[in-house]
Amino acid sequence: MENLILTDDRDVQWTDSVLALIREKDTNTIKMLRTLSEANDSMVSTSDIEQIIAQQDSVVTQQRVQHRIITHRDTVVTRPRKKGFFRRLGEVFVPPKKDTAIQVKTSLEFATDTVIEPYNPADSLHEKLRAVAQQKKAVNTVIQRRKRYLQRLDHMLTARIDSLLKDYETETLLRARTEAEYQQAVRRRSAKIISGIAVGAVLLSAFFLIIIGRDITRSNRYRRELEEARRRAEDLLAVREKLMLAITHDFKAPLGSIMGYADLLSRLTVDERQRFYLDNMKTSSEHLL
């Protein structure tokens, strides 16, 4: 019973482990499908190319407006007059004001030009397509890395499930083989026991038959002996009866005479002692008759 309980527990553990791995594999498969869907979405589609071309068409028709500001500056410097010796000597002690004058004239000019720059739509389209392709490639690289990770995880889960199923199958076959060998051993042992019991029963029956036969033979012999003894007893009784009849016949006349004489003497005798003897003789004679 304990082995059955342990076997049931092991089966439940195996089943729980396999179900958990299958659920994890299902979850991983769903993630892989989502990753493949994202990989398909990350590819440059026809609608994306058409949208880029439409943007390029709008850029071709646009013109570039250029605004310019032109600044003009004129500087006028007034030279001072020449000074004499005494004036320069006096300016040594008292610094004079500067006589040099600088005049700056500034004028601003605003200009607006409309310029159409040389533009090659094919180069711009290629650049944008390349940029979009690089972006999609980067996203696709991440998705492919995730997909490879999910594939490795899926292979690991599959290998784990296969290993569990193989181990369970091996253990089940081993358990079934052990159970079959045990049942076969039990059957062999039961057959030996039954054979021993049957042989013992046969031997016991033969022994009892021998005993019963001996008892029957003995009882038959005893019966014959009893019948023979009974016949001998009957014969002896018949002989005894004849003998008694002969003896009785032989004793009857004398005893009758003795009884007659005893009766007469008892009537004639007065002595009590003699009467007692005569009564005993009479009683003994009656007993013999």
C-alpha atoms as a PDB file:
ATOM      1  CA  MET A   1       0.000   0.000   0.000  1.00  0.00           C
ATOM      2  CA  GLU A   2       2.857   2.348   0.851  1.00  0.00           C
ATOM      3  CA  ASN A   3       4.494   1.599  -2.510  1.00  0.00           C
ATOM      4  CA  LEU A   4       1.242   2.430  -4.273  1.00  0.00           C
ATOM      5  CA  ILE A   5       1.014   5.765  -2.419  1.00  0.00           C
ATOM      6  CA  LEU A   6       4.630   6.630  -3.297  1.00  0.00           C
ATOM      7  CA  THR A   7       3.990   5.715  -6.935  1.00  0.00           C
ATOM      8  CA  ASP A   8       0.899   7.937  -7.054  1.00  0.00           C
ATOM      9  CA  ASP A   9       2.880  10.838  -5.545  1.00  0.00           C
ATOM     10  CA  ARG A  10       5.661  10.406  -8.110  1.00  0.00           C
ATOM     11  CA  ASP A  11       3.101  10.323 -10.935  1.00  0.00           C
ATOM     12  CA  VAL A  12       1.482  13.517  -9.636  1.00  0.00           C
ATOM     13  CA  GLN A  13       4.893  15.223  -9.424  1.00  0.00           C
ATOM     14  CA  TRP A  14       5.781  14.130 -12.966  1.00  0.00           C
ATOM     15  CA  THR A  15       2.426  15.346 -14.269  1.00  0.00           C
ATOM     16  CA  ASP A  16       2.733  18.715 -12.506  1.00  0.00           C
ATOM     17  CA  SER A  17       6.267  19.220 -13.852  1.00  0.00           C
ATOM     18  CA  VAL A  18       5.268  18.367 -17.423  1.00  0.00           C
ATOM     19  CA  LEU A  19       2.173  20.599 -17.262  1.00  0.00           C
ATOM     20  CA  ALA A  20       4.243  23.500 -15.882  1.00  0.00           C
ATOM     21  CA  LEU A  21       6.802  23.101 -18.682  1.00  0.00           C
ATOM     22  CA  ILE A  22       4.048  22.873 -21.302  1.00  0.00           C
ATOM     23  CA  ARG A  23       2.430  26.057 -19.974  1.00  0.00           C
ATOM     24  CA  GLU A  24       5.814  27.792 -20.023  1.00  0.00           C
ATOM     25  CA  LYS A  25       6.390  26.548 -23.577  1.00  0.00           C
ATOM     26  CA  ASP A  26       2.962  27.879 -24.627  1.00  0.00           C
ATOM     27  CA  THR A  27       3.809  31.259 -23.108  1.00  0.00           C
ATOM     28  CA  ASN A  28       7.175  31.241 -24.872  1.00  0.00           C
ATOM     29  CA  THR A  29       5.511  30.306 -28.170  1.00  0.00           C
ATOM     30  CA  ILE A  30       3.080  33.217 -27.816  1.00  0.00           C
ATOM     31  CA  LYS A  31       6.018  35.544 -27.131  1.00  0.00           C
ATOM     32  CA  MET A  32       7.810  34.167 -30.186  1.00  0.00           C
ATOM     33  CA  LEU A  33       4.739  34.755 -32.362  1.00  0.00           C
ATOM     34  CA  ARG A  34       4.523  38.307 -31.071  1.00  0.00           C
ATOM     35  CA  THR A  35       8.219  38.789 -31.817  1.00  0.00           C
ATOM     36  CA  LEU A  36       7.747  37.500 -35.363  1.00  0.00           C
ATOM     37  CA  SER A  37       4.790  39.853 -35.759  1.00  0.00           C
ATOM     38  CA  GLU A  38       6.955  42.749 -34.565  1.00  0.00           C
ATOM     39  CA  ALA A  39       9.681  41.647 -36.990  1.00  0.00           C
ATOM     40  CA  ASN A  40       7.204  41.752 -39.842  1.00  0.00           C
ATOM     41  CA  ASP A  41       6.022  45.166 -38.704  1.00  0.00           C
ATOM     42  CA  SER A  42       9.623  46.420 -38.530  1.00  0.00           C
ATOM     43  CA  MET A  43      10.225  45.775 -42.236  1.00  0.00           C
ATOM     44  CA  VAL A  44       9.939  48.714 -44.657  1.00  0.00           C
ATOM     45  CA  SER A  45       6.501  48.360 -46.133  1.00  0.00           C
ATOM     46  CA  THR A  46       5.095  49.770 -49.362  1.00  0.00           C
ATOM     47  CA  SER A  47       2.966  52.271 -47.440  1.00  0.00           C
ATOM     48  CA  ASP A  48       6.086  53.628 -45.699  1.00  0.00           C
ATOM     49  CA  ILE A  49       7.851  54.088 -49.054  1.00  0.00           C
ATOM     50  CA  GLU A  50       4.802  55.835 -50.528  1.00  0.00           C
ATOM     51  CA  GLN A  51       4.650  58.144 -47.490  1.00  0.00           C
ATOM     52  CA  ILE A  52       8.355  59.034 -47.896  1.00  0.00           C
ATOM     53  CA  ILE A  53       7.859  59.741 -51.624  1.00  0.00           C
ATOM     54  CA  ALA A  54       4.862  61.957 -50.825  1.00  0.00           C
ATOM     55  CA  GLN A  55       6.998  63.934 -48.370  1.00  0.00           C
ATOM     56  CA  GLN A  56       9.682  64.305 -51.045  1.00  0.00           C
ATOM     57  CA  ASP A  57       7.146  65.656 -53.536  1.00  0.00           C
ATOM     58  CA  SER A  58       6.113  68.366 -51.092  1.00  0.00           C
ATOM     59  CA  VAL A  59       9.748  69.333 -50.488  1.00  0.00           C
ATOM     60  CA  VAL A  60      10.460  69.759 -54.214  1.00  0.00           C
ATOM     61  CA  THR A  61       7.784  72.412 -54.606  1.00  0.00           C
ATOM     62  CA  GLN A  62       9.036  74.505 -51.658  1.00  0.00           C
ATOM     63  CA  GLN A  63      11.290  77.543 -52.268  1.00  0.00           C
ATOM     64  CA  ARG A  64      13.874  78.925 -49.902  1.00  0.00           C
ATOM     65  CA  VAL A  65      13.524  82.614 -48.970  1.00  0.00           C
ATOM     66  CA  GLN A  66      16.811  84.309 -47.898  1.00  0.00           C
ATOM     67  CA  HIS A  67      16.866  87.510 -45.789  1.00  0.00           C
ATOM     68  CA  ARG A  68      20.097  89.592 -45.663  1.00  0.00           C
ATOM     69  CA  ILE A  69      21.162  92.631 -43.584  1.00  0.00           C
ATOM     70  CA  ILE A  70      24.012  94.831 -44.993  1.00  0.00           C
ATOM     71  CA  THR A  71      25.759  97.222 -42.580  1.00  0.00           C
ATOM     72  CA  HIS A  72      27.814 100.286 -43.863  1.00  0.00           C
ATOM     73  CA  ARG A  73      30.153 102.170 -41.450  1.00  0.00           C
ATOM     74  CA  ASP A  74      32.141 105.462 -42.182  1.00  0.00           C
ATOM     75  CA  THR A  75      34.717 106.791 -39.668  1.00  0.00           C
ATOM     76  CA  VAL A  76      35.932 110.504 -39.784  1.00  0.00           C
ATOM     77  CA  VAL A  77      38.971 111.541 -37.616  1.00  0.00           C
ATOM     78  CA  THR A  78      39.756 115.341 -36.979  1.00  0.00           C
ATOM     79  CA  ARG A  79      43.472 116.054 -36.558  1.00  0.00           C
ATOM     80  CA  PRO A  80      44.516 118.591 -33.738  1.00  0.00           C
ATOM     81  CA  ARG A  81      46.438 121.793 -34.528  1.00  0.00           C
ATOM     82  CA  LYS A  82      50.201 121.994 -33.937  1.00  0.00           C
ATOM     83  CA  LYS A  83      51.235 123.405 -30.509  1.00  0.00           C
ATOM     84  CA  GLY A  84      54.217 125.551 -29.542  1.00  0.00           C
ATOM     85  CA  PHE A  85      56.930 124.802 -27.053  1.00  0.00           C
ATOM     86  CA  PHE A  86      55.500 126.736 -24.136  1.00  0.00           C
ATOM     87  CA  ARG A  87      52.023 125.303 -24.625  1.00  0.00           C
ATOM     88  CA  ARG A  88      53.309 121.777 -24.620  1.00  0.00           C
ATOM     89  CA  LEU A  89      55.373 122.647 -21.479  1.00  0.00           C
ATOM     90  CA  GLY A  90      52.279 123.925 -19.721  1.00  0.00           C
ATOM     91  CA  GLU A  91      50.310 120.856 -20.652  1.00  0.00           C
ATOM     92  CA  VAL A  92      52.890 118.839 -18.764  1.00  0.00           C
ATOM     93  CA  PHE A  93      51.583 120.229 -15.454  1.00  0.00           C
ATOM     94  CA  VAL A  94      47.948 120.600 -16.511  1.00  0.00           C
ATOM     95  CA  PRO A  95      46.697 117.840 -18.846  1.00  0.00           C
ATOM     96  CA  PRO A  96      44.582 119.334 -21.635  1.00  0.00           C
ATOM     97  CA  LYS A  97      41.401 117.858 -23.180  1.00  0.00           C
ATOM     98  CA  LYS A  98      41.765 115.732 -26.236  1.00  0.00           C
ATOM     99  CA  ASP A  99      41.359 117.633 -29.423  1.00  0.00           C
ATOM    100  CA  THR A 100      41.029 114.569 -31.670  1.00  0.00           C
ATOM    101  CA  ALA A 101      37.397 113.888 -32.779  1.00  0.00           C
ATOM    102  CA  ILE A 102      36.231 110.573 -34.257  1.00  0.00           C
ATOM    103  CA  GLN A 103      32.892 110.361 -36.049  1.00  0.00           C
ATOM    104  CA  VAL A 104      31.384 106.991 -37.039  1.00  0.00           C
ATOM    105  CA  LYS A 105      28.443 106.781 -39.487  1.00  0.00           C
ATOM    106  CA  THR A 106      26.544 103.468 -39.629  1.00  0.00           C
ATOM    107  CA  SER A 107      23.867 102.589 -42.188  1.00  0.00           C
ATOM    108  CA  LEU A 108      21.815  99.309 -42.393  1.00  0.00           C
ATOM    109  CA  GLU A 109      20.491  97.791 -45.602  1.00  0.00           C
ATOM    110  CA  PHE A 110      17.823  95.015 -45.600  1.00  0.00           C
ATOM    111  CA  ALA A 111      17.681  92.673 -48.633  1.00  0.00           C
ATOM    112  CA  THR A 112      15.280  89.765 -49.285  1.00  0.00           C
ATOM    113  CA  ASP A 113      16.075  87.204 -51.979  1.00  0.00           C
ATOM    114  CA  THR A 114      14.070  84.161 -53.105  1.00  0.00           C
ATOM    115  CA  VAL A 115      16.448  81.362 -54.011  1.00  0.00           C
ATOM    116  CA  ILE A 116      15.622  77.965 -55.489  1.00  0.00           C
ATOM    117  CA  GLU A 117      18.429  75.673 -54.433  1.00  0.00           C
ATOM    118  CA  PRO A 118      19.522  72.857 -56.697  1.00  0.00           C
ATOM    119  CA  TYR A 119      17.764  69.707 -55.387  1.00  0.00           C
ATOM    120  CA  ASN A 120      18.063  66.044 -56.399  1.00  0.00           C
ATOM    121  CA  PRO A 121      14.961  64.108 -55.274  1.00  0.00           C
ATOM    122  CA  ALA A 122      16.597  60.731 -55.808  1.00  0.00           C
ATOM    123  CA  ASP A 123      19.457  61.483 -53.391  1.00  0.00           C
ATOM    124  CA  SER A 124      17.089  62.737 -50.701  1.00  0.00           C
ATOM    125  CA  LEU A 125      14.792  59.760 -51.195  1.00  0.00           C
ATOM    126  CA  HIS A 126      17.730  57.396 -50.909  1.00  0.00           C
ATOM    127  CA  GLU A 127      18.894  59.131 -47.739  1.00  0.00           C
ATOM    128  CA  LYS A 128      15.485  58.890 -46.122  1.00  0.00           C
ATOM    129  CA  LEU A 129      15.026  55.315 -47.226  1.00  0.00           C
ATOM    130  CA  ARG A 130      18.489  54.511 -45.877  1.00  0.00           C
ATOM    131  CA  ALA A 131      17.674  56.208 -42.564  1.00  0.00           C
ATOM    132  CA  VAL A 132      14.365  54.359 -42.302  1.00  0.00           C
ATOM    133  CA  ALA A 133      16.080  51.117 -43.290  1.00  0.00           C
ATOM    134  CA  GLN A 134      18.793  51.625 -40.666  1.00  0.00           C
ATOM    135  CA  GLN A 135      16.176  52.345 -38.020  1.00  0.00           C
ATOM    136  CA  LYS A 136      14.192  49.291 -39.067  1.00  0.00           C
ATOM    137  CA  LYS A 137      17.424  47.282 -39.130  1.00  0.00           C
ATOM    138  CA  ALA A 138      18.254  48.311 -35.562  1.00  0.00           C
ATOM    139  CA  VAL A 139      14.749  47.379 -34.432  1.00  0.00           C
ATOM    140  CA  ASN A 140      14.961  44.151 -36.422  1.00  0.00           C
ATOM    141  CA  THR A 141      18.327  43.350 -34.782  1.00  0.00           C
ATOM    142  CA  VAL A 142      16.762  43.682 -31.338  1.00  0.00           C
ATOM    143  CA  ILE A 143      13.792  41.606 -32.441  1.00  0.00           C
ATOM    144  CA  GLN A 144      16.033  38.949 -33.978  1.00  0.00           C
ATOM    145  CA  ARG A 145      18.089  38.800 -30.772  1.00  0.00           C
ATOM    146  CA  ARG A 146      14.898  38.391 -28.790  1.00  0.00           C
ATOM    147  CA  LYS A 147      13.670  35.771 -31.243  1.00  0.00           C
ATOM    148  CA  ARG A 148      16.934  33.797 -30.944  1.00  0.00           C
ATOM    149  CA  TYR A 149      16.667  33.970 -27.158  1.00  0.00           C
ATOM    150  CA  LEU A 150      13.073  32.759 -27.298  1.00  0.00           C
ATOM    151  CA  GLN A 151      14.067  29.993 -29.722  1.00  0.00           C
ATOM    152  CA  ARG A 152      16.872  28.864 -27.401  1.00  0.00           C
ATOM    153  CA  LEU A 153      14.441  28.954 -24.492  1.00  0.00           C
ATOM    154  CA  ASP A 154      11.920  26.990 -26.555  1.00  0.00           C
ATOM    155  CA  HIS A 155      14.568  24.385 -27.431  1.00  0.00           C
ATOM    156  CA  MET A 156      15.555  24.168 -23.754  1.00  0.00           C
ATOM    157  CA  LEU A 157      11.917  23.708 -22.704  1.00  0.00           C
ATOM    158  CA  THR A 158      11.374  21.123 -25.443  1.00  0.00           C
ATOM    159  CA  ALA A 159      14.518  19.264 -24.387  1.00  0.00           C
ATOM    160  CA  ARG A 160      13.410  19.421 -20.753  1.00  0.00           C
ATOM    161  CA  ILE A 161       9.926  18.119 -21.611  1.00  0.00           C
ATOM    162  CA  ASP A 162      11.429  15.356 -23.768  1.00  0.00           C
ATOM    163  CA  SER A 163      13.819  14.467 -20.949  1.00  0.00           C
ATOM    164  CA  LEU A 164      10.989  14.347 -18.407  1.00  0.00           C
ATOM    165  CA  LEU A 165       8.812  12.271 -20.726  1.00  0.00           C
ATOM    166  CA  LYS A 166      11.719   9.939 -21.512  1.00  0.00           C
ATOM    167  CA  ASP A 167      12.569   9.568 -17.825  1.00  0.00           C
ATOM    168  CA  TYR A 168       8.884   9.014 -17.017  1.00  0.00           C
ATOM    169  CA  GLU A 169       8.603   6.442 -19.807  1.00  0.00           C
ATOM    170  CA  THR A 170      11.786   4.695 -18.648  1.00  0.00           C
ATOM    171  CA  GLU A 171      10.640   4.676 -15.037  1.00  0.00           C
ATOM    172  CA  THR A 172       7.155   3.515 -16.054  1.00  0.00           C
ATOM    173  CA  LEU A 173       8.599   0.676 -18.141  1.00  0.00           C
ATOM    174  CA  LEU A 174      10.976  -0.247 -15.324  1.00  0.00           C
ATOM    175  CA  ARG A 175       8.125  -0.129 -12.842  1.00  0.00           C
ATOM    176  CA  ALA A 176       5.918  -2.216 -15.143  1.00  0.00           C
ATOM    177  CA  ARG A 177       8.751  -4.711 -15.673  1.00  0.00           C
ATOM    178  CA  THR A 178       9.388  -4.890 -11.933  1.00  0.00           C
ATOM    179  CA  GLU A 179       5.666  -5.314 -11.290  1.00  0.00           C
ATOM    180  CA  ALA A 180       5.451  -8.021 -13.970  1.00  0.00           C
ATOM    181  CA  GLU A 181       8.459  -9.835 -12.496  1.00  0.00           C
ATOM    182  CA  TYR A 182       6.939  -9.513  -9.037  1.00  0.00           C
ATOM    183  CA  GLN A 183       3.586 -10.840 -10.260  1.00  0.00           C
ATOM    184  CA  GLN A 184       5.354 -13.684 -12.061  1.00  0.00           C
ATOM    185  CA  ALA A 185       7.331 -14.505  -8.923  1.00  0.00           C
ATOM    186  CA  VAL A 186       4.107 -14.394  -6.902  1.00  0.00           C
ATOM    187  CA  ARG A 187       2.424 -16.694  -9.413  1.00  0.00           C
ATOM    188  CA  ARG A 188       5.381 -19.093  -9.334  1.00  0.00           C
ATOM    189  CA  ARG A 189       5.402 -19.051  -5.548  1.00  0.00           C
ATOM    190  CA  SER A 190       1.629 -19.528  -5.478  1.00  0.00           C
ATOM    191  CA  ALA A 191       1.934 -22.391  -7.959  1.00  0.00           C
ATOM    192  CA  LYS A 192       4.626 -23.996  -5.802  1.00  0.00           C
ATOM    193  CA  ILE A 193       2.513 -23.534  -2.692  1.00  0.00           C
ATOM    194  CA  ILE A 194      -0.579 -24.920  -4.415  1.00  0.00           C
ATOM    195  CA  SER A 195       1.456 -27.824  -5.805  1.00  0.00           C
ATOM    196  CA  GLY A 196       2.865 -28.506  -2.347  1.00  0.00           C
ATOM    197  CA  ILE A 197      -0.596 -28.326  -0.847  1.00  0.00           C
ATOM    198  CA  ALA A 198      -1.943 -30.644  -3.550  1.00  0.00           C
ATOM    199  CA  VAL A 199       0.899 -33.136  -3.065  1.00  0.00           C
ATOM    200  CA  GLY A 200       0.445 -32.899   0.694  1.00  0.00           C
ATOM    201  CA  ALA A 201      -3.291 -33.398   0.304  1.00  0.00           C
ATOM    202  CA  VAL A 202      -2.709 -36.422  -1.926  1.00  0.00           C
ATOM    203  CA  LEU A 203      -0.178 -37.888   0.506  1.00  0.00           C
ATOM    204  CA  LEU A 204      -2.449 -37.122   3.438  1.00  0.00           C
ATOM    205  CA  SER A 205      -5.371 -38.667   1.598  1.00  0.00           C
ATOM    206  CA  ALA A 206      -3.289 -41.754   0.853  1.00  0.00           C
ATOM    207  CA  PHE A 207      -2.210 -41.898   4.487  1.00  0.00           C
ATOM    208  CA  PHE A 208      -5.789 -41.573   5.666  1.00  0.00           C
ATOM    209  CA  LEU A 209      -6.897 -44.150   3.111  1.00  0.00           C
ATOM    210  CA  ILE A 210      -4.244 -46.519   4.398  1.00  0.00           C
ATOM    211  CA  ILE A 211      -5.311 -45.862   7.973  1.00  0.00           C
ATOM    212  CA  ILE A 212      -8.976 -46.208   7.061  1.00  0.00           C
ATOM    213  CA  GLY A 213      -8.221 -49.410   5.128  1.00  0.00           C
ATOM    214  CA  ARG A 214      -6.308 -50.777   8.084  1.00  0.00           C
ATOM    215  CA  ASP A 215      -9.159 -49.782  10.388  1.00  0.00           C
ATOM    216  CA  ILE A 216     -11.682 -51.385   8.072  1.00  0.00           C
ATOM    217  CA  THR A 217      -9.572 -54.540   7.856  1.00  0.00           C
ATOM    218  CA  ARG A 218      -9.105 -54.540  11.607  1.00  0.00           C
ATOM    219  CA  SER A 219     -12.798 -53.904  12.215  1.00  0.00           C
ATOM    220  CA  ASN A 220     -13.675 -56.715   9.833  1.00  0.00           C
ATOM    221  CA  ARG A 221     -11.261 -59.006  11.647  1.00  0.00           C
ATOM    222  CA  TYR A 222     -12.654 -57.911  14.982  1.00  0.00           C
ATOM    223  CA  ARG A 223     -16.173 -58.449  13.693  1.00  0.00           C
ATOM    224  CA  ARG A 224     -15.322 -61.911  12.480  1.00  0.00           C
ATOM    225  CA  GLU A 225     -13.636 -62.651  15.777  1.00  0.00           C
ATOM    226  CA  LEU A 226     -16.633 -61.270  17.660  1.00  0.00           C
ATOM    227  CA  GLU A 227     -18.998 -63.318  15.556  1.00  0.00           C
ATOM    228  CA  GLU A 228     -16.863 -66.354  16.169  1.00  0.00           C
ATOM    229  CA  ALA A 229     -16.735 -65.546  19.893  1.00  0.00           C
ATOM    230  CA  ARG A 230     -20.479 -65.014  19.893  1.00  0.00           C
ATOM    231  CA  ARG A 231     -20.999 -68.348  18.220  1.00  0.00           C
ATOM    232  CA  ARG A 232     -18.638 -69.966  20.689  1.00  0.00           C
ATOM    233  CA  ALA A 233     -20.474 -68.259  23.563  1.00  0.00           C
ATOM    234  CA  GLU A 234     -23.796 -69.393  22.188  1.00  0.00           C
ATOM    235  CA  ASP A 235     -22.421 -72.866  21.828  1.00  0.00           C
ATOM    236  CA  LEU A 236     -21.070 -72.707  25.373  1.00  0.00           C
ATOM    237  CA  LEU A 237     -24.411 -71.443  26.632  1.00  0.00           C
ATOM    238  CA  ALA A 238     -26.193 -74.246  24.855  1.00  0.00           C
ATOM    239  CA  VAL A 239     -23.756 -76.774  26.298  1.00  0.00           C
ATOM    240  CA  ARG A 240     -24.075 -75.150  29.720  1.00  0.00           C
ATOM    241  CA  GLU A 241     -27.846 -75.237  29.447  1.00  0.00           C
ATOM    242  CA  LYS A 242     -27.710 -78.881  28.497  1.00  0.00           C
ATOM    243  CA  LEU A 243     -25.226 -79.480  31.275  1.00  0.00           C
ATOM    244  CA  MET A 244     -27.405 -77.637  33.732  1.00  0.00           C
ATOM    245  CA  LEU A 245     -30.404 -79.584  32.581  1.00  0.00           C
ATOM    246  CA  ALA A 246     -28.463 -82.776  33.007  1.00  0.00           C
ATOM    247  CA  ILE A 247     -27.120 -81.673  36.373  1.00  0.00           C
ATOM    248  CA  THR A 248     -30.549 -80.457  37.416  1.00  0.00           C
ATOM    249  CA  HIS A 249     -32.037 -83.713  36.346  1.00  0.00           C
ATOM    250  CA  ASP A 250     -29.321 -85.561  38.219  1.00  0.00           C
ATOM    251  CA  PHE A 251     -29.746 -83.423  41.354  1.00  0.00           C
ATOM    252  CA  LYS A 252     -33.508 -83.080  41.280  1.00  0.00           C
ATOM    253  CA  ALA A 253     -34.363 -86.576  42.639  1.00  0.00           C
ATOM    254  CA  PRO A 254     -31.859 -86.520  45.540  1.00  0.00           C
ATOM    255  CA  LEU A 255     -32.687 -82.938  46.358  1.00  0.00           C
ATOM    256  CA  GLY A 256     -36.387 -83.773  46.299  1.00  0.00           C
ATOM    257  CA  SER A 257     -35.694 -86.585  48.697  1.00  0.00           C
ATOM    258  CA  ILE A 258     -33.539 -84.305  50.878  1.00  0.00           C
ATOM    259  CA  MET A 259     -36.253 -81.658  50.891  1.00  0.00           C
ATOM    260  CA  GLY A 260     -38.913 -84.223  51.748  1.00  0.00           C
ATOM    261  CA  TYR A 261     -36.845 -85.621  54.572  1.00  0.00           C
ATOM    262  CA  ALA A 262     -35.984 -82.141  55.840  1.00  0.00           C
ATOM    263  CA  ASP A 263     -39.645 -81.182  55.842  1.00  0.00           C
ATOM    264  CA  LEU A 264     -40.560 -84.339  57.765  1.00  0.00           C
ATOM    265  CA  LEU A 265     -37.717 -83.880  60.240  1.00  0.00           C
ATOM    266  CA  SER A 266     -38.658 -80.246  60.809  1.00  0.00           C
ATOM    267  CA  ARG A 267     -42.107 -81.335  61.792  1.00  0.00           C
ATOM    268  CA  LEU A 268     -40.800 -84.012  64.118  1.00  0.00           C
ATOM    269  CA  THR A 269     -37.884 -82.107  65.655  1.00  0.00           C
ATOM    270  CA  VAL A 270     -38.460 -79.880  68.622  1.00  0.00           C
ATOM    271  CA  ASP A 271     -34.919 -78.622  69.070  1.00  0.00           C
ATOM    272  CA  GLU A 272     -34.469 -75.123  67.593  1.00  0.00           C
ATOM    273  CA  ARG A 273     -30.942 -75.675  66.509  1.00  0.00           C
ATOM    274  CA  GLN A 274     -31.827 -78.772  64.535  1.00  0.00           C
ATOM    275  CA  ARG A 275     -34.794 -76.935  63.064  1.00  0.00           C
ATOM    276  CA  PHE A 276     -32.407 -74.140  61.947  1.00  0.00           C
ATOM    277  CA  TYR A 277     -30.159 -76.622  60.143  1.00  0.00           C
ATOM    278  CA  LEU A 278     -33.127 -78.290  58.495  1.00  0.00           C
ATOM    279  CA  ASP A 279     -34.426 -74.920  57.246  1.00  0.00           C
ATOM    280  CA  ASN A 280     -31.014 -74.112  55.729  1.00  0.00           C
ATOM    281  CA  MET A 281     -30.905 -77.472  53.995  1.00  0.00           C
ATOM    282  CA  LYS A 282     -34.383 -76.911  52.636  1.00  0.00           C
ATOM    283  CA  THR A 283     -33.545 -73.408  51.397  1.00  0.00           C
ATOM    284  CA  SER A 284     -30.339 -74.577  49.690  1.00  0.00           C
ATOM    285  CA  SER A 285     -32.186 -77.387  48.008  1.00  0.00           C
ATOM    286  CA  GLU A 286     -34.860 -74.991  46.723  1.00  0.00           C
ATOM    287  CA  HIS A 287     -32.137 -72.686  45.444  1.00  0.00           C
ATOM    288  CA  LEU A 288     -30.485 -75.517  43.545  1.00  0.00           C
ATOM    289  CA  LEU A 289     -33.798 -76.527  42.033  1.00  0.00           C
END
